[in-house]
């Protein structure tokens, strides 16, 4: 079943500020939000989880001390 996360839930999962999430999204480096209404947005939980998993994989495939 598809689950959407609020901006606050996304922030709590990825540990980034709202402003940084917005910058990453605009740069195409973060999953895109879904507009639910005039002032309501959400993110697909599976997309956020996949993004986090890619970050972990990048860390694990990099040599120690490398910046990911």
PDB file of N, CA and C in Angstrom:
ATOM      1  N   UNK A   1       0.835  -1.194   0.000  1.00  0.00           N
ATOM      2  CA  UNK A   1       0.000   0.000   0.000  1.00  0.00           C
ATOM      3  C   UNK A   1       0.874   1.249   0.000  1.00  0.00           C
ATOM      4  N   UNK A   2       0.503   2.210  -0.794  1.00  0.00           N
ATOM      5  CA  UNK A   2       1.237   3.455  -0.925  1.00  0.00           C
ATOM      6  C   UNK A   2       1.032   4.319   0.317  1.00  0.00           C
ATOM      7  N   UNK A   3       2.139   4.817   0.879  1.00  0.00           N
ATOM      8  CA  UNK A   3       2.051   5.682   2.038  1.00  0.00           C
ATOM      9  C   UNK A   3       2.790   6.979   1.738  1.00  0.00           C
ATOM     10  N   UNK A   4       2.170   8.090   2.099  1.00  0.00           N
ATOM     11  CA  UNK A   4       2.783   9.397   1.927  1.00  0.00           C
ATOM     12  C   UNK A   4       3.282   9.915   3.265  1.00  0.00           C
ATOM     13  N   UNK A   5       4.395  10.623   3.218  1.00  0.00           N
ATOM     14  CA  UNK A   5       4.983  11.231   4.408  1.00  0.00           C
ATOM     15  C   UNK A   5       4.826  12.746   4.331  1.00  0.00           C
ATOM     16  N   UNK A   6       4.571  13.359   5.463  1.00  0.00           N
ATOM     17  CA  UNK A   6       4.499  14.816   5.536  1.00  0.00           C
ATOM     18  C   UNK A   6       5.911  15.391   5.481  1.00  0.00           C
ATOM     19  N   UNK A   7       5.998  16.682   5.288  1.00  0.00           N
ATOM     20  CA  UNK A   7       7.308  17.340   5.250  1.00  0.00           C
ATOM     21  C   UNK A   7       8.038  17.131   6.578  1.00  0.00           C
ATOM     22  N   UNK A   8       7.329  17.196   7.663  1.00  0.00           N
ATOM     23  CA  UNK A   8       7.940  16.990   8.984  1.00  0.00           C
ATOM     24  C   UNK A   8       8.463  15.554   9.125  1.00  0.00           C
ATOM     25  N   UNK A   9       7.688  14.588   8.654  1.00  0.00           N
ATOM     26  CA  UNK A   9       8.132  13.192   8.721  1.00  0.00           C
ATOM     27  C   UNK A   9       9.374  12.972   7.861  1.00  0.00           C
ATOM     28  N   UNK A  10       9.408  13.596   6.688  1.00  0.00           N
ATOM     29  CA  UNK A  10      10.578  13.485   5.814  1.00  0.00           C
ATOM     30  C   UNK A  10      11.786  14.107   6.510  1.00  0.00           C
ATOM     31  N   UNK A  11      11.610  15.281   7.054  1.00  0.00           N
ATOM     32  CA  UNK A  11      12.705  15.959   7.758  1.00  0.00           C
ATOM     33  C   UNK A  11      13.239  15.092   8.892  1.00  0.00           C
ATOM     34  N   UNK A  12      12.347  14.463   9.644  1.00  0.00           N
ATOM     35  CA  UNK A  12      12.771  13.621  10.757  1.00  0.00           C
ATOM     36  C   UNK A  12      13.516  12.375  10.281  1.00  0.00           C
ATOM     37  N   UNK A  13      13.200  11.885   9.103  1.00  0.00           N
ATOM     38  CA  UNK A  13      13.874  10.682   8.575  1.00  0.00           C
ATOM     39  C   UNK A  13      15.239  10.993   7.986  1.00  0.00           C
ATOM     40  N   UNK A  14      15.341  12.091   7.254  1.00  0.00           N
ATOM     41  CA  UNK A  14      16.602  12.370   6.562  1.00  0.00           C
ATOM     42  C   UNK A  14      17.512  13.315   7.346  1.00  0.00           C
ATOM     43  N   UNK A  15      16.989  13.928   8.392  1.00  0.00           N
ATOM     44  CA  UNK A  15      17.759  14.796   9.280  1.00  0.00           C
ATOM     45  C   UNK A  15      18.301  16.046   8.581  1.00  0.00           C
ATOM     46  N   UNK A  16      17.557  16.541   7.596  1.00  0.00           N
ATOM     47  CA  UNK A  16      17.885  17.781   6.900  1.00  0.00           C
ATOM     48  C   UNK A  16      16.816  18.819   7.242  1.00  0.00           C
ATOM     49  N   UNK A  17      17.206  20.089   7.149  1.00  0.00           N
ATOM     50  CA  UNK A  17      16.232  21.163   7.361  1.00  0.00           C
ATOM     51  C   UNK A  17      15.253  21.207   6.186  1.00  0.00           C
ATOM     52  N   UNK A  18      14.119  21.872   6.407  1.00  0.00           N
ATOM     53  CA  UNK A  18      13.140  22.049   5.334  1.00  0.00           C
ATOM     54  C   UNK A  18      13.789  22.744   4.137  1.00  0.00           C
ATOM     55  N   UNK A  19      14.585  23.771   4.431  1.00  0.00           N
ATOM     56  CA  UNK A  19      15.218  24.542   3.338  1.00  0.00           C
ATOM     57  C   UNK A  19      16.169  23.657   2.538  1.00  0.00           C
ATOM     58  N   UNK A  20      16.926  22.801   3.191  1.00  0.00           N
ATOM     59  CA  UNK A  20      17.870  21.937   2.469  1.00  0.00           C
ATOM     60  C   UNK A  20      17.125  20.893   1.638  1.00  0.00           C
ATOM     61  N   UNK A  21      16.047  20.348   2.181  1.00  0.00           N
ATOM     62  CA  UNK A  21      15.221  19.406   1.417  1.00  0.00           C
ATOM     63  C   UNK A  21      14.724  20.093   0.144  1.00  0.00           C
ATOM     64  N   UNK A  22      14.247  21.323   0.270  1.00  0.00           N
ATOM     65  CA  UNK A  22      13.758  22.076  -0.894  1.00  0.00           C
ATOM     66  C   UNK A  22      14.869  22.284  -1.926  1.00  0.00           C
ATOM     67  N   UNK A  23      16.070  22.647  -1.455  1.00  0.00           N
ATOM     68  CA  UNK A  23      17.192  22.867  -2.380  1.00  0.00           C
ATOM     69  C   UNK A  23      17.553  21.585  -3.117  1.00  0.00           C
ATOM     70  N   UNK A  24      17.646  20.472  -2.391  1.00  0.00           N
ATOM     71  CA  UNK A  24      17.976  19.187  -3.022  1.00  0.00           C
ATOM     72  C   UNK A  24      16.918  18.795  -4.048  1.00  0.00           C
ATOM     73  N   UNK A  25      15.661  18.992  -3.685  1.00  0.00           N
ATOM     74  CA  UNK A  25      14.569  18.637  -4.597  1.00  0.00           C
ATOM     75  C   UNK A  25      14.635  19.485  -5.880  1.00  0.00           C
ATOM     76  N   UNK A  26      14.858  20.774  -5.723  1.00  0.00           N
ATOM     77  CA  UNK A  26      14.938  21.663  -6.895  1.00  0.00           C
ATOM     78  C   UNK A  26      16.125  21.310  -7.782  1.00  0.00           C
ATOM     79  N   UNK A  27      17.189  20.781  -7.186  1.00  0.00           N
ATOM     80  CA  UNK A  27      18.378  20.387  -7.942  1.00  0.00           C
ATOM     81  C   UNK A  27      18.242  18.994  -8.547  1.00  0.00           C
ATOM     82  N   UNK A  28      17.128  18.325  -8.285  1.00  0.00           N
ATOM     83  CA  UNK A  28      16.917  16.981  -8.807  1.00  0.00           C
ATOM     84  C   UNK A  28      17.667  15.909  -8.040  1.00  0.00           C
ATOM     85  N   UNK A  29      18.055  16.217  -6.801  1.00  0.00           N
ATOM     86  CA  UNK A  29      18.844  15.297  -5.993  1.00  0.00           C
ATOM     87  C   UNK A  29      18.046  14.648  -4.865  1.00  0.00           C
ATOM     88  N   UNK A  30      16.744  14.860  -4.875  1.00  0.00           N
ATOM     89  CA  UNK A  30      15.873  14.349  -3.813  1.00  0.00           C
ATOM     90  C   UNK A  30      14.523  14.015  -4.442  1.00  0.00           C
ATOM     91  N   UNK A  31      13.827  13.015  -3.911  1.00  0.00           N
ATOM     92  CA  UNK A  31      12.511  12.665  -4.477  1.00  0.00           C
ATOM     93  C   UNK A  31      11.569  13.871  -4.526  1.00  0.00           C
ATOM     94  N   UNK A  32      10.766  13.909  -5.564  1.00  0.00           N
ATOM     95  CA  UNK A  32       9.821  15.020  -5.741  1.00  0.00           C
ATOM     96  C   UNK A  32       8.574  14.836  -4.886  1.00  0.00           C
ATOM     97  N   UNK A  33       8.076  15.934  -4.407  1.00  0.00           N
ATOM     98  CA  UNK A  33       6.858  15.933  -3.594  1.00  0.00           C
ATOM     99  C   UNK A  33       5.627  15.699  -4.455  1.00  0.00           C
ATOM    100  N   UNK A  34       4.562  15.293  -3.802  1.00  0.00           N
ATOM    101  CA  UNK A  34       3.257  15.114  -4.437  1.00  0.00           C
ATOM    102  C   UNK A  34       2.349  16.200  -3.889  1.00  0.00           C
ATOM    103  N   UNK A  35       1.771  16.999  -4.760  1.00  0.00           N
ATOM    104  CA  UNK A  35       0.853  18.047  -4.300  1.00  0.00           C
ATOM    105  C   UNK A  35      -0.496  17.416  -4.015  1.00  0.00           C
ATOM    106  N   UNK A  36      -0.953  17.554  -2.774  1.00  0.00           N
ATOM    107  CA  UNK A  36      -2.215  16.951  -2.343  1.00  0.00           C
ATOM    108  C   UNK A  36      -3.345  17.968  -2.303  1.00  0.00           C
ATOM    109  N   UNK A  37      -2.993  19.204  -2.207  1.00  0.00           N
ATOM    110  CA  UNK A  37      -3.978  20.280  -2.148  1.00  0.00           C
ATOM    111  C   UNK A  37      -3.250  21.596  -2.295  1.00  0.00           C
ATOM    112  N   UNK A  38      -3.971  22.673  -2.117  1.00  0.00           N
ATOM    113  CA  UNK A  38      -3.381  23.994  -2.312  1.00  0.00           C
ATOM    114  C   UNK A  38      -2.204  24.247  -1.365  1.00  0.00           C
ATOM    115  N   UNK A  39      -2.299  23.767  -0.129  1.00  0.00           N
ATOM    116  CA  UNK A  39      -1.220  24.015   0.828  1.00  0.00           C
ATOM    117  C   UNK A  39      -0.754  22.723   1.510  1.00  0.00           C
ATOM    118  N   UNK A  40      -0.919  21.605   0.834  1.00  0.00           N
ATOM    119  CA  UNK A  40      -0.533  20.311   1.425  1.00  0.00           C
ATOM    120  C   UNK A  40       0.267  19.501   0.425  1.00  0.00           C
ATOM    121  N   UNK A  41       1.432  18.999   0.880  1.00  0.00           N
ATOM    122  CA  UNK A  41       2.269  18.144   0.040  1.00  0.00           C
ATOM    123  C   UNK A  41       2.674  16.910   0.830  1.00  0.00           C
ATOM    124  N   UNK A  42       3.130  15.905   0.113  1.00  0.00           N
ATOM    125  CA  UNK A  42       3.632  14.698   0.744  1.00  0.00           C
ATOM    126  C   UNK A  42       4.675  14.058  -0.149  1.00  0.00           C
ATOM    127  N   UNK A  43       5.419  13.127   0.409  1.00  0.00           N
ATOM    128  CA  UNK A  43       6.421  12.370  -0.344  1.00  0.00           C
ATOM    129  C   UNK A  43       6.085  10.898  -0.225  1.00  0.00           C
ATOM    130  N   UNK A  44       6.343  10.153  -1.291  1.00  0.00           N
ATOM    131  CA  UNK A  44       6.098   8.713  -1.285  1.00  0.00           C
ATOM    132  C   UNK A  44       7.158   8.068  -0.391  1.00  0.00           C
ATOM    133  N   UNK A  45       6.698   7.354   0.630  1.00  0.00           N
ATOM    134  CA  UNK A  45       7.604   6.760   1.609  1.00  0.00           C
ATOM    135  C   UNK A  45       8.650   5.863   0.943  1.00  0.00           C
ATOM    136  N   UNK A  46       8.241   5.066  -0.024  1.00  0.00           N
ATOM    137  CA  UNK A  46       9.172   4.148  -0.697  1.00  0.00           C
ATOM    138  C   UNK A  46      10.287   4.915  -1.411  1.00  0.00           C
ATOM    139  N   UNK A  47       9.974   6.074  -1.961  1.00  0.00           N
ATOM    140  CA  UNK A  47      10.990   6.875  -2.648  1.00  0.00           C
ATOM    141  C   UNK A  47      11.993   7.453  -1.653  1.00  0.00           C
ATOM    142  N   UNK A  48      11.510   7.874  -0.489  1.00  0.00           N
ATOM    143  CA  UNK A  48      12.404   8.392   0.543  1.00  0.00           C
ATOM    144  C   UNK A  48      13.296   7.262   1.058  1.00  0.00           C
ATOM    145  N   UNK A  49      12.717   6.108   1.291  1.00  0.00           N
ATOM    146  CA  UNK A  49      13.495   4.951   1.765  1.00  0.00           C
ATOM    147  C   UNK A  49      14.554   4.562   0.742  1.00  0.00           C
ATOM    148  N   UNK A  50      14.191   4.543  -0.539  1.00  0.00           N
ATOM    149  CA  UNK A  50      15.146   4.198  -1.600  1.00  0.00           C
ATOM    150  C   UNK A  50      16.270   5.224  -1.665  1.00  0.00           C
ATOM    151  N   UNK A  51      15.958   6.498  -1.494  1.00  0.00           N
ATOM    152  CA  UNK A  51      16.963   7.558  -1.502  1.00  0.00           C
ATOM    153  C   UNK A  51      17.950   7.340  -0.365  1.00  0.00           C
ATOM    154  N   UNK A  52      17.426   7.028   0.826  1.00  0.00           N
ATOM    155  CA  UNK A  52      18.296   6.769   1.972  1.00  0.00           C
ATOM    156  C   UNK A  52      19.162   5.529   1.730  1.00  0.00           C
ATOM    157  N   UNK A  53      18.595   4.499   1.150  1.00  0.00           N
ATOM    158  CA  UNK A  53      19.361   3.282   0.860  1.00  0.00           C
ATOM    159  C   UNK A  53      20.495   3.563  -0.121  1.00  0.00           C
ATOM    160  N   UNK A  54      20.245   4.418  -1.115  1.00  0.00           N
ATOM    161  CA  UNK A  54      21.315   4.782  -2.055  1.00  0.00           C
ATOM    162  C   UNK A  54      22.439   5.525  -1.337  1.00  0.00           C
ATOM    163  N   UNK A  55      22.087   6.368  -0.379  1.00  0.00           N
ATOM    164  CA  UNK A  55      23.102   7.080   0.410  1.00  0.00           C
ATOM    165  C   UNK A  55      23.962   6.081   1.193  1.00  0.00           C
ATOM    166  N   UNK A  56      23.313   5.083   1.780  1.00  0.00           N
ATOM    167  CA  UNK A  56      24.037   4.069   2.545  1.00  0.00           C
ATOM    168  C   UNK A  56      24.923   3.238   1.621  1.00  0.00           C
ATOM    169  N   UNK A  57      24.415   2.860   0.457  1.00  0.00           N
ATOM    170  CA  UNK A  57      25.210   2.086  -0.505  1.00  0.00           C
ATOM    171  C   UNK A  57      26.421   2.881  -0.983  1.00  0.00           C
ATOM    172  N   UNK A  58      26.242   4.170  -1.207  1.00  0.00           N
ATOM    173  CA  UNK A  58      27.357   5.021  -1.630  1.00  0.00           C
ATOM    174  C   UNK A  58      28.418   5.077  -0.534  1.00  0.00           C
ATOM    175  N   UNK A  59      27.982   5.161   0.688  1.00  0.00           N
ATOM    176  CA  UNK A  59      28.918   5.162   1.812  1.00  0.00           C
ATOM    177  C   UNK A  59      29.680   3.847   1.883  1.00  0.00           C
ATOM    178  N   UNK A  60      28.973   2.745   1.732  1.00  0.00           N
ATOM    179  CA  UNK A  60      29.582   1.425   1.871  1.00  0.00           C
ATOM    180  C   UNK A  60      30.518   1.079   0.715  1.00  0.00           C
ATOM    181  N   UNK A  61      30.329   1.706  -0.432  1.00  0.00           N
ATOM    182  CA  UNK A  61      31.174   1.397  -1.584  1.00  0.00           C
ATOM    183  C   UNK A  61      32.338   2.385  -1.727  1.00  0.00           C
ATOM    184  N   UNK A  62      32.424   3.351  -0.832  1.00  0.00           N
ATOM    185  CA  UNK A  62      33.498   4.332  -0.873  1.00  0.00           C
ATOM    186  C   UNK A  62      34.621   3.925   0.075  1.00  0.00           C
ATOM    187  N   UNK A  63      35.851   4.315  -0.255  1.00  0.00           N
ATOM    188  CA  UNK A  63      36.947   4.012   0.654  1.00  0.00           C
ATOM    189  C   UNK A  63      36.787   4.781   1.963  1.00  0.00           C
ATOM    190  N   UNK A  64      37.319   4.250   3.054  1.00  0.00           N
ATOM    191  CA  UNK A  64      37.230   4.954   4.345  1.00  0.00           C
ATOM    192  C   UNK A  64      37.781   6.375   4.234  1.00  0.00           C
ATOM    193  N   UNK A  65      37.070   7.308   4.819  1.00  0.00           N
ATOM    194  CA  UNK A  65      37.491   8.706   4.812  1.00  0.00           C
ATOM    195  C   UNK A  65      37.013   9.501   3.609  1.00  0.00           C
ATOM    196  N   UNK A  66      36.431   8.837   2.614  1.00  0.00           N
ATOM    197  CA  UNK A  66      35.938   9.551   1.426  1.00  0.00           C
ATOM    198  C   UNK A  66      34.644  10.273   1.759  1.00  0.00           C
ATOM    199  N   UNK A  67      34.419  11.404   1.129  1.00  0.00           N
ATOM    200  CA  UNK A  67      33.181  12.156   1.302  1.00  0.00           C
ATOM    201  C   UNK A  67      32.162  11.647   0.299  1.00  0.00           C
ATOM    202  N   UNK A  68      30.969  11.292   0.793  1.00  0.00           N
ATOM    203  CA  UNK A  68      29.914  10.762  -0.074  1.00  0.00           C
ATOM    204  C   UNK A  68      28.885  11.824  -0.326  1.00  0.00           C
TER     205      UNK A  68
END
